[in-house]
Amino acid sequence: LVLPFLGENASSTLSLDEVRRNFVMSLARSHDLVLIEPQDLPQDPKKFIKEDYEYDMEALSKLAASLGIAALIEGKVFDMKARRVGDQVGVIREVKAEVKVKARIRMMAARNGQELFNETREATADSSTMRIGQRAVKDALLASNPELSRAGLHQVFLGMTPALSMALEKLSWQGRVAMISGERVFVNAGRLSGLQVGDILKISEEGDEIFDPQTGRFIGKAPGRMKGTVEVVSYFGKDGSITVIHSGSGFSENDLVELY
């Protein structure tokens, strides 16, 4: 799940939405991923923005994990500055504007709240034009060019995609037991999630949340006890799979499902 990008400059909201869409498409092209849209969540993720203008990632991770979402990706713009460079005098002169953007991408595993990726970068986009007989005050409009702002945002976020892609390779797929009927175990992921008939999945109970005894800060979730394995035999619905018990017993709804 790629959360709506955050930017403290309200005027860049539309640009951020467009940049996020391109960022999501870039991830989808480079990975066999099932990308969930924020509107598919039962609650608006923007309601989880704290006073310091950061997402409450701990609360969002718990919500995402309950839906079988593997990871949360957050993008935030810390600073975006524009400046004009050019001759201040002359009838015909070249005026150059540049926008410098500082932004961050974070990714957290929904299951245990572990931070898998955190990188902050800067990027600069520039544009130039020839001005003929216009006053300098009009040149300032070039620095606030929305196209230039979008170019800077694209550069900084798409520039972090290769490093994020490497972190995504380490992210293991996770699902949940949706229902149990005799020897059949229904899982909330199927063909769209990349599961194949014949895949062996392991089922574990929910692990315990671990907190730092000194600070009270959430550290992560410990792995739960493994209950057994199941084999994918067919699919159902939009993205569900039917499995049969391969080994073990005592499976329950909402148990964690992973590739074995």
C-alpha atoms as a PDB file:
ATOM      1  CA  LEU A   1       0.000   0.000   0.000  1.00  0.00           C
ATOM      2  CA  VAL A   2       1.477   3.324  -1.101  1.00  0.00           C
ATOM      3  CA  LEU A   3       0.013   5.970   1.205  1.00  0.00           C
ATOM      4  CA  PRO A   4      -0.919   9.443  -0.082  1.00  0.00           C
ATOM      5  CA  PHE A   5       2.288  11.470  -0.240  1.00  0.00           C
ATOM      6  CA  LEU A   6       2.714  14.187   2.359  1.00  0.00           C
ATOM      7  CA  GLY A   7       3.974  17.694   1.636  1.00  0.00           C
ATOM      8  CA  GLU A   8       4.014  20.612   4.040  1.00  0.00           C
ATOM      9  CA  ASN A   9       3.563  22.990   1.125  1.00  0.00           C
ATOM     10  CA  ALA A  10      -0.182  22.827   0.445  1.00  0.00           C
ATOM     11  CA  SER A  11       0.269  24.274  -3.048  1.00  0.00           C
ATOM     12  CA  SER A  12       2.080  21.107  -4.108  1.00  0.00           C
ATOM     13  CA  THR A  13      -0.822  18.758  -3.264  1.00  0.00           C
ATOM     14  CA  LEU A  14      -1.944  18.267  -6.864  1.00  0.00           C
ATOM     15  CA  SER A  15       1.635  17.699  -8.002  1.00  0.00           C
ATOM     16  CA  LEU A  16       2.148  15.153  -5.207  1.00  0.00           C
ATOM     17  CA  ASP A  17      -0.937  13.200  -6.263  1.00  0.00           C
ATOM     18  CA  GLU A  18       0.355  12.992  -9.823  1.00  0.00           C
ATOM     19  CA  VAL A  19       3.869  12.047  -8.695  1.00  0.00           C
ATOM     20  CA  ARG A  20       2.459   9.327  -6.439  1.00  0.00           C
ATOM     21  CA  ARG A  21       0.501   7.829  -9.344  1.00  0.00           C
ATOM     22  CA  ASN A  22       3.639   7.697 -11.497  1.00  0.00           C
ATOM     23  CA  PHE A  23       5.614   6.263  -8.581  1.00  0.00           C
ATOM     24  CA  VAL A  24       3.022   3.484  -8.129  1.00  0.00           C
ATOM     25  CA  MET A  25       3.075   2.701 -11.860  1.00  0.00           C
ATOM     26  CA  SER A  26       6.873   2.502 -11.753  1.00  0.00           C
ATOM     27  CA  LEU A  27       6.715  -0.038  -8.910  1.00  0.00           C
ATOM     28  CA  ALA A  28       4.024  -2.041 -10.686  1.00  0.00           C
ATOM     29  CA  ARG A  29       6.139  -2.270 -13.853  1.00  0.00           C
ATOM     30  CA  SER A  30       9.258  -3.460 -12.046  1.00  0.00           C
ATOM     31  CA  HIS A  31       7.666  -5.950  -9.625  1.00  0.00           C
ATOM     32  CA  ASP A  32       4.975  -8.605  -9.599  1.00  0.00           C
ATOM     33  CA  LEU A  33       3.040  -6.799  -6.868  1.00  0.00           C
ATOM     34  CA  VAL A  34      -0.572  -6.433  -5.837  1.00  0.00           C
ATOM     35  CA  LEU A  35      -0.841  -2.708  -5.053  1.00  0.00           C
ATOM     36  CA  ILE A  36      -3.724  -1.643  -2.836  1.00  0.00           C
ATOM     37  CA  GLU A  37      -5.233   1.828  -3.232  1.00  0.00           C
ATOM     38  CA  PRO A  38      -5.785   3.942  -0.084  1.00  0.00           C
ATOM     39  CA  GLN A  39      -9.518   4.173  -0.815  1.00  0.00           C
ATOM     40  CA  ASP A  40      -9.731   0.375  -0.408  1.00  0.00           C
ATOM     41  CA  LEU A  41      -8.978   0.728   3.310  1.00  0.00           C
ATOM     42  CA  PRO A  42     -11.940   0.798   5.719  1.00  0.00           C
ATOM     43  CA  GLN A  43     -10.652   4.164   7.030  1.00  0.00           C
ATOM     44  CA  ASP A  44      -9.156   7.169   5.281  1.00  0.00           C
ATOM     45  CA  PRO A  45      -5.368   6.965   5.916  1.00  0.00           C
ATOM     46  CA  LYS A  46      -5.243  10.759   6.199  1.00  0.00           C
ATOM     47  CA  LYS A  47      -7.108  10.379   9.501  1.00  0.00           C
ATOM     48  CA  PHE A  48      -3.917   8.761  10.824  1.00  0.00           C
ATOM     49  CA  ILE A  49      -1.816  11.909  10.297  1.00  0.00           C
ATOM     50  CA  LYS A  50      -0.454  13.125  13.644  1.00  0.00           C
ATOM     51  CA  GLU A  51       0.134  16.686  14.862  1.00  0.00           C
ATOM     52  CA  ASP A  52       3.749  16.573  13.662  1.00  0.00           C
ATOM     53  CA  TYR A  53       2.424  15.896  10.134  1.00  0.00           C
ATOM     54  CA  GLU A  54       3.647  12.295  10.142  1.00  0.00           C
ATOM     55  CA  TYR A  55       1.556   9.170   9.659  1.00  0.00           C
ATOM     56  CA  ASP A  56       0.882   7.050  12.741  1.00  0.00           C
ATOM     57  CA  MET A  57       2.636   4.097  11.136  1.00  0.00           C
ATOM     58  CA  GLU A  58       2.100   1.842  14.152  1.00  0.00           C
ATOM     59  CA  ALA A  59      -1.688   2.188  13.947  1.00  0.00           C
ATOM     60  CA  LEU A  60      -1.681   1.950  10.149  1.00  0.00           C
ATOM     61  CA  SER A  61       0.496  -1.178  10.282  1.00  0.00           C
ATOM     62  CA  LYS A  62      -2.008  -2.940  12.521  1.00  0.00           C
ATOM     63  CA  LEU A  63      -4.870  -1.968  10.215  1.00  0.00           C
ATOM     64  CA  ALA A  64      -2.955  -3.102   7.135  1.00  0.00           C
ATOM     65  CA  ALA A  65      -1.894  -6.393   8.726  1.00  0.00           C
ATOM     66  CA  SER A  66      -5.517  -7.221   9.548  1.00  0.00           C
ATOM     67  CA  LEU A  67      -6.296  -6.915   5.818  1.00  0.00           C
ATOM     68  CA  GLY A  68      -3.387  -9.085   4.710  1.00  0.00           C
ATOM     69  CA  ILE A  69      -1.353  -6.138   3.369  1.00  0.00           C
ATOM     70  CA  ALA A  70       2.366  -6.905   3.486  1.00  0.00           C
ATOM     71  CA  ALA A  71       3.875  -3.413   3.645  1.00  0.00           C
ATOM     72  CA  LEU A  72       3.201   0.317   3.839  1.00  0.00           C
ATOM     73  CA  ILE A  73       5.136   2.845   1.745  1.00  0.00           C
ATOM     74  CA  GLU A  74       5.141   6.504   2.755  1.00  0.00           C
ATOM     75  CA  GLY A  75       6.489   9.461   0.796  1.00  0.00           C
ATOM     76  CA  LYS A  76       7.035  12.893   2.302  1.00  0.00           C
ATOM     77  CA  VAL A  77       8.365  16.202   0.971  1.00  0.00           C
ATOM     78  CA  PHE A  78      10.351  18.089   3.603  1.00  0.00           C
ATOM     79  CA  ASP A  79      11.339  21.109   1.567  1.00  0.00           C
ATOM     80  CA  MET A  80      10.811  22.560  -1.899  1.00  0.00           C
ATOM     81  CA  LYS A  81      12.584  25.805  -2.750  1.00  0.00           C
ATOM     82  CA  ALA A  82      12.563  27.729  -6.013  1.00  0.00           C
ATOM     83  CA  ARG A  83      15.013  30.414  -7.055  1.00  0.00           C
ATOM     84  CA  ARG A  84      15.567  32.497 -10.168  1.00  0.00           C
ATOM     85  CA  VAL A  85      18.998  32.861 -11.748  1.00  0.00           C
ATOM     86  CA  GLY A  86      19.669  35.240 -14.621  1.00  0.00           C
ATOM     87  CA  ASP A  87      20.754  38.658 -15.779  1.00  0.00           C
ATOM     88  CA  GLN A  88      18.925  41.408 -13.966  1.00  0.00           C
ATOM     89  CA  VAL A  89      19.492  43.975 -16.712  1.00  0.00           C
ATOM     90  CA  GLY A  90      19.290  44.039 -20.472  1.00  0.00           C
ATOM     91  CA  VAL A  91      16.520  44.096 -23.033  1.00  0.00           C
ATOM     92  CA  ILE A  92      17.149  40.476 -24.068  1.00  0.00           C
ATOM     93  CA  ARG A  93      18.355  38.151 -21.325  1.00  0.00           C
ATOM     94  CA  GLU A  94      18.219  34.487 -20.340  1.00  0.00           C
ATOM     95  CA  VAL A  95      16.409  33.708 -17.118  1.00  0.00           C
ATOM     96  CA  LYS A  96      16.841  30.353 -15.411  1.00  0.00           C
ATOM     97  CA  ALA A  97      14.704  28.990 -12.600  1.00  0.00           C
ATOM     98  CA  GLU A  98      15.498  25.952 -10.519  1.00  0.00           C
ATOM     99  CA  VAL A  99      13.551  24.009  -7.911  1.00  0.00           C
ATOM    100  CA  LYS A 100      15.320  22.002  -5.231  1.00  0.00           C
ATOM    101  CA  VAL A 101      13.288  19.260  -3.525  1.00  0.00           C
ATOM    102  CA  LYS A 102      14.141  17.273  -0.393  1.00  0.00           C
ATOM    103  CA  ALA A 103      11.988  14.193   0.232  1.00  0.00           C
ATOM    104  CA  ARG A 104      11.881  10.840   2.007  1.00  0.00           C
ATOM    105  CA  ILE A 105      10.556   7.353   1.268  1.00  0.00           C
ATOM    106  CA  ARG A 106       9.862   4.911   4.112  1.00  0.00           C
ATOM    107  CA  MET A 107       8.612   1.331   3.958  1.00  0.00           C
ATOM    108  CA  MET A 108       7.401  -0.688   6.935  1.00  0.00           C
ATOM    109  CA  ALA A 109       6.354  -4.324   7.182  1.00  0.00           C
ATOM    110  CA  ALA A 110       2.720  -4.383   8.271  1.00  0.00           C
ATOM    111  CA  ARG A 111       3.019  -7.625  10.209  1.00  0.00           C
ATOM    112  CA  ASN A 112       5.700  -6.583  12.703  1.00  0.00           C
ATOM    113  CA  GLY A 113       6.128  -2.844  12.196  1.00  0.00           C
ATOM    114  CA  GLN A 114       9.745  -3.313  11.135  1.00  0.00           C
ATOM    115  CA  GLU A 115      11.214  -0.493   9.065  1.00  0.00           C
ATOM    116  CA  LEU A 116      12.509  -2.031   5.841  1.00  0.00           C
ATOM    117  CA  PHE A 117      13.551   1.120   3.990  1.00  0.00           C
ATOM    118  CA  ASN A 118      14.231   4.741   4.926  1.00  0.00           C
ATOM    119  CA  GLU A 119      15.977   7.098   2.537  1.00  0.00           C
ATOM    120  CA  THR A 120      16.057  10.871   2.168  1.00  0.00           C
ATOM    121  CA  ARG A 121      17.274  12.501  -1.039  1.00  0.00           C
ATOM    122  CA  GLU A 122      17.510  15.856  -2.764  1.00  0.00           C
ATOM    123  CA  ALA A 123      16.971  16.610  -6.439  1.00  0.00           C
ATOM    124  CA  THR A 124      17.079  19.752  -8.563  1.00  0.00           C
ATOM    125  CA  ALA A 125      15.091  20.570 -11.694  1.00  0.00           C
ATOM    126  CA  ASP A 126      15.726  23.649 -13.794  1.00  0.00           C
ATOM    127  CA  SER A 127      14.248  25.518 -16.725  1.00  0.00           C
ATOM    128  CA  SER A 128      15.315  28.547 -18.718  1.00  0.00           C
ATOM    129  CA  THR A 129      13.681  31.021 -21.062  1.00  0.00           C
ATOM    130  CA  MET A 130      14.536  34.202 -22.935  1.00  0.00           C
ATOM    131  CA  ARG A 131      12.952  37.403 -21.630  1.00  0.00           C
ATOM    132  CA  ILE A 132      12.604  40.411 -23.930  1.00  0.00           C
ATOM    133  CA  GLY A 133      11.884  43.769 -22.409  1.00  0.00           C
ATOM    134  CA  GLN A 134       9.926  42.489 -19.401  1.00  0.00           C
ATOM    135  CA  ARG A 135      10.289  43.671 -15.865  1.00  0.00           C
ATOM    136  CA  ALA A 136      12.217  41.493 -13.395  1.00  0.00           C
ATOM    137  CA  VAL A 137       9.182  41.043 -11.175  1.00  0.00           C
ATOM    138  CA  LYS A 138       7.580  38.922 -13.904  1.00  0.00           C
ATOM    139  CA  ASP A 139      10.612  36.648 -14.001  1.00  0.00           C
ATOM    140  CA  ALA A 140       9.707  35.412 -10.525  1.00  0.00           C
ATOM    141  CA  LEU A 141       6.732  33.641 -12.074  1.00  0.00           C
ATOM    142  CA  LEU A 142       9.165  31.224 -13.732  1.00  0.00           C
ATOM    143  CA  ALA A 143      10.363  29.980 -10.345  1.00  0.00           C
ATOM    144  CA  SER A 144       6.819  29.103  -9.305  1.00  0.00           C
ATOM    145  CA  ASN A 145       6.107  27.190 -12.510  1.00  0.00           C
ATOM    146  CA  PRO A 146       4.018  24.107 -11.534  1.00  0.00           C
ATOM    147  CA  GLU A 147       5.643  22.087 -14.334  1.00  0.00           C
ATOM    148  CA  LEU A 148       9.037  22.777 -12.792  1.00  0.00           C
ATOM    149  CA  SER A 149       7.768  21.767  -9.350  1.00  0.00           C
ATOM    150  CA  ARG A 150       6.418  18.504 -10.741  1.00  0.00           C
ATOM    151  CA  ALA A 151       9.727  17.815 -12.484  1.00  0.00           C
ATOM    152  CA  GLY A 152      11.597  18.234  -9.201  1.00  0.00           C
ATOM    153  CA  LEU A 153       9.175  15.951  -7.364  1.00  0.00           C
ATOM    154  CA  HIS A 154       9.404  13.305 -10.092  1.00  0.00           C
ATOM    155  CA  GLN A 155      13.192  13.349  -9.958  1.00  0.00           C
ATOM    156  CA  VAL A 156      13.489  12.956  -6.204  1.00  0.00           C
ATOM    157  CA  PHE A 157      10.903  10.174  -5.777  1.00  0.00           C
ATOM    158  CA  LEU A 158      11.613   8.169  -8.923  1.00  0.00           C
ATOM    159  CA  GLY A 159      15.307   8.444  -8.102  1.00  0.00           C
ATOM    160  CA  MET A 160      14.690   6.357  -4.977  1.00  0.00           C
ATOM    161  CA  THR A 161      12.777   3.625  -6.827  1.00  0.00           C
ATOM    162  CA  PRO A 162      15.818   1.378  -7.575  1.00  0.00           C
ATOM    163  CA  ALA A 163      16.892   1.275  -3.909  1.00  0.00           C
ATOM    164  CA  LEU A 164      13.303   0.678  -2.791  1.00  0.00           C
ATOM    165  CA  SER A 165      13.003  -2.125  -5.349  1.00  0.00           C
ATOM    166  CA  MET A 166      15.925  -3.915  -3.708  1.00  0.00           C
ATOM    167  CA  ALA A 167      14.188  -3.669  -0.328  1.00  0.00           C
ATOM    168  CA  LEU A 168      10.969  -5.012  -1.855  1.00  0.00           C
ATOM    169  CA  GLU A 169      12.833  -8.129  -3.000  1.00  0.00           C
ATOM    170  CA  LYS A 170      13.386  -8.976   0.675  1.00  0.00           C
ATOM    171  CA  LEU A 171       9.711  -8.565   1.541  1.00  0.00           C
ATOM    172  CA  SER A 172       8.031 -11.903   2.071  1.00  0.00           C
ATOM    173  CA  TRP A 173       4.421 -12.471   1.011  1.00  0.00           C
ATOM    174  CA  GLN A 174       1.858 -12.879   3.820  1.00  0.00           C
ATOM    175  CA  GLY A 175      -1.833 -13.703   3.929  1.00  0.00           C
ATOM    176  CA  ARG A 176      -4.508 -14.787   6.397  1.00  0.00           C
ATOM    177  CA  VAL A 177      -6.791 -17.756   6.937  1.00  0.00           C
ATOM    178  CA  ALA A 178     -10.268 -16.570   5.920  1.00  0.00           C
ATOM    179  CA  MET A 179     -12.300 -19.682   6.768  1.00  0.00           C
ATOM    180  CA  ILE A 180     -11.895 -23.369   7.652  1.00  0.00           C
ATOM    181  CA  SER A 181     -14.271 -26.083   6.444  1.00  0.00           C
ATOM    182  CA  GLY A 182     -13.228 -29.625   7.313  1.00  0.00           C
ATOM    183  CA  GLU A 183      -9.939 -30.377   5.572  1.00  0.00           C
ATOM    184  CA  ARG A 184     -10.173 -27.253   3.431  1.00  0.00           C
ATOM    185  CA  VAL A 185      -8.565 -23.984   4.491  1.00  0.00           C
ATOM    186  CA  PHE A 186      -9.596 -20.815   2.611  1.00  0.00           C
ATOM    187  CA  VAL A 187      -6.910 -18.132   2.293  1.00  0.00           C
ATOM    188  CA  ASN A 188      -7.483 -14.439   1.524  1.00  0.00           C
ATOM    189  CA  ALA A 189      -5.026 -14.481  -1.393  1.00  0.00           C
ATOM    190  CA  GLY A 190      -4.958 -16.375  -4.665  1.00  0.00           C
ATOM    191  CA  ARG A 191      -4.060 -15.991  -8.326  1.00  0.00           C
ATOM    192  CA  LEU A 192      -3.740 -12.174  -8.277  1.00  0.00           C
ATOM    193  CA  SER A 193      -1.367 -12.418  -5.309  1.00  0.00           C
ATOM    194  CA  GLY A 194       0.863 -14.767  -7.273  1.00  0.00           C
ATOM    195  CA  LEU A 195      -0.055 -18.062  -5.597  1.00  0.00           C
ATOM    196  CA  GLN A 196       0.097 -21.142  -7.821  1.00  0.00           C
ATOM    197  CA  VAL A 197      -1.739 -24.455  -7.541  1.00  0.00           C
ATOM    198  CA  GLY A 198       0.653 -26.816  -5.763  1.00  0.00           C
ATOM    199  CA  ASP A 199       2.294 -24.113  -3.615  1.00  0.00           C
ATOM    200  CA  ILE A 200       2.924 -25.187  -0.017  1.00  0.00           C
ATOM    201  CA  LEU A 201       2.034 -22.561   2.589  1.00  0.00           C
ATOM    202  CA  LYS A 202       2.875 -22.526   6.277  1.00  0.00           C
ATOM    203  CA  ILE A 203       0.349 -21.390   8.858  1.00  0.00           C
ATOM    204  CA  SER A 204       1.345 -19.776  12.153  1.00  0.00           C
ATOM    205  CA  GLU A 205      -0.487 -18.232  15.056  1.00  0.00           C
ATOM    206  CA  GLU A 206      -0.332 -14.499  15.709  1.00  0.00           C
ATOM    207  CA  GLY A 207       2.914 -13.427  17.381  1.00  0.00           C
ATOM    208  CA  ASP A 208       3.257 -11.190  20.420  1.00  0.00           C
ATOM    209  CA  GLU A 209       3.905  -7.449  20.184  1.00  0.00           C
ATOM    210  CA  ILE A 210       7.202  -6.513  21.817  1.00  0.00           C
ATOM    211  CA  PHE A 211       7.758  -3.106  23.425  1.00  0.00           C
ATOM    212  CA  ASP A 212      10.941  -1.524  24.767  1.00  0.00           C
ATOM    213  CA  PRO A 213      10.674  -1.774  28.591  1.00  0.00           C
ATOM    214  CA  GLN A 214      12.492   1.544  29.077  1.00  0.00           C
ATOM    215  CA  THR A 215      10.875   3.786  26.484  1.00  0.00           C
ATOM    216  CA  GLY A 216       7.640   1.920  25.813  1.00  0.00           C
ATOM    217  CA  ARG A 217       8.359   2.201  22.085  1.00  0.00           C
ATOM    218  CA  PHE A 218       6.945  -0.536  19.873  1.00  0.00           C
ATOM    219  CA  ILE A 219       9.876  -2.678  18.631  1.00  0.00           C
ATOM    220  CA  GLY A 220       8.060  -5.244  16.533  1.00  0.00           C
ATOM    221  CA  LYS A 221       6.075  -8.446  16.573  1.00  0.00           C
ATOM    222  CA  ALA A 222       7.703 -11.773  17.461  1.00  0.00           C
ATOM    223  CA  PRO A 223       7.007 -14.754  15.159  1.00  0.00           C
ATOM    224  CA  GLY A 224       4.124 -16.939  16.291  1.00  0.00           C
ATOM    225  CA  ARG A 225       4.145 -20.717  16.726  1.00  0.00           C
ATOM    226  CA  MET A 226       3.969 -22.646  13.465  1.00  0.00           C
ATOM    227  CA  LYS A 227       0.841 -24.827  13.322  1.00  0.00           C
ATOM    228  CA  GLY A 228       1.416 -26.699  10.060  1.00  0.00           C
ATOM    229  CA  THR A 229       1.302 -26.494   6.273  1.00  0.00           C
ATOM    230  CA  VAL A 230      -1.358 -26.494   3.549  1.00  0.00           C
ATOM    231  CA  GLU A 231      -1.282 -26.989  -0.227  1.00  0.00           C
ATOM    232  CA  VAL A 232      -3.020 -24.725  -2.758  1.00  0.00           C
ATOM    233  CA  VAL A 233      -5.463 -26.787  -4.856  1.00  0.00           C
ATOM    234  CA  SER A 234      -7.715 -24.148  -6.491  1.00  0.00           C
ATOM    235  CA  TYR A 235      -8.912 -20.538  -6.423  1.00  0.00           C
ATOM    236  CA  PHE A 236     -12.112 -18.738  -5.490  1.00  0.00           C
ATOM    237  CA  GLY A 237     -13.471 -15.201  -5.796  1.00  0.00           C
ATOM    238  CA  LYS A 238     -11.414 -12.274  -7.023  1.00  0.00           C
ATOM    239  CA  ASP A 239      -8.226 -13.200  -5.154  1.00  0.00           C
ATOM    240  CA  GLY A 240      -8.693 -16.172  -2.835  1.00  0.00           C
ATOM    241  CA  SER A 241      -7.318 -19.707  -2.744  1.00  0.00           C
ATOM    242  CA  ILE A 242      -8.574 -23.054  -1.480  1.00  0.00           C
ATOM    243  CA  THR A 243      -5.986 -25.205   0.252  1.00  0.00           C
ATOM    244  CA  VAL A 244      -5.972 -28.651   1.851  1.00  0.00           C
ATOM    245  CA  ILE A 245      -4.152 -29.561   5.042  1.00  0.00           C
ATOM    246  CA  HIS A 246      -0.689 -30.934   4.329  1.00  0.00           C
ATOM    247  CA  SER A 247       0.537 -31.272   7.911  1.00  0.00           C
ATOM    248  CA  GLY A 248      -0.338 -30.060  11.408  1.00  0.00           C
ATOM    249  CA  SER A 249      -3.659 -29.114  12.983  1.00  0.00           C
ATOM    250  CA  GLY A 250      -5.392 -26.530  15.164  1.00  0.00           C
ATOM    251  CA  PHE A 251      -5.747 -23.910  12.439  1.00  0.00           C
ATOM    252  CA  SER A 252      -7.948 -20.879  13.194  1.00  0.00           C
ATOM    253  CA  GLU A 253      -9.403 -17.989  11.225  1.00  0.00           C
ATOM    254  CA  ASN A 254      -7.007 -15.033  10.900  1.00  0.00           C
ATOM    255  CA  ASP A 255      -3.927 -17.235  11.373  1.00  0.00           C
ATOM    256  CA  LEU A 256      -0.898 -15.967   9.454  1.00  0.00           C
ATOM    257  CA  VAL A 257      -0.156 -17.618   6.084  1.00  0.00           C
ATOM    258  CA  GLU A 258       3.267 -17.486   4.395  1.00  0.00           C
ATOM    259  CA  LEU A 259       5.107 -19.323   1.627  1.00  0.00           C
ATOM    260  CA  TYR A 260       6.849 -22.367   3.061  1.00  0.00           C
END
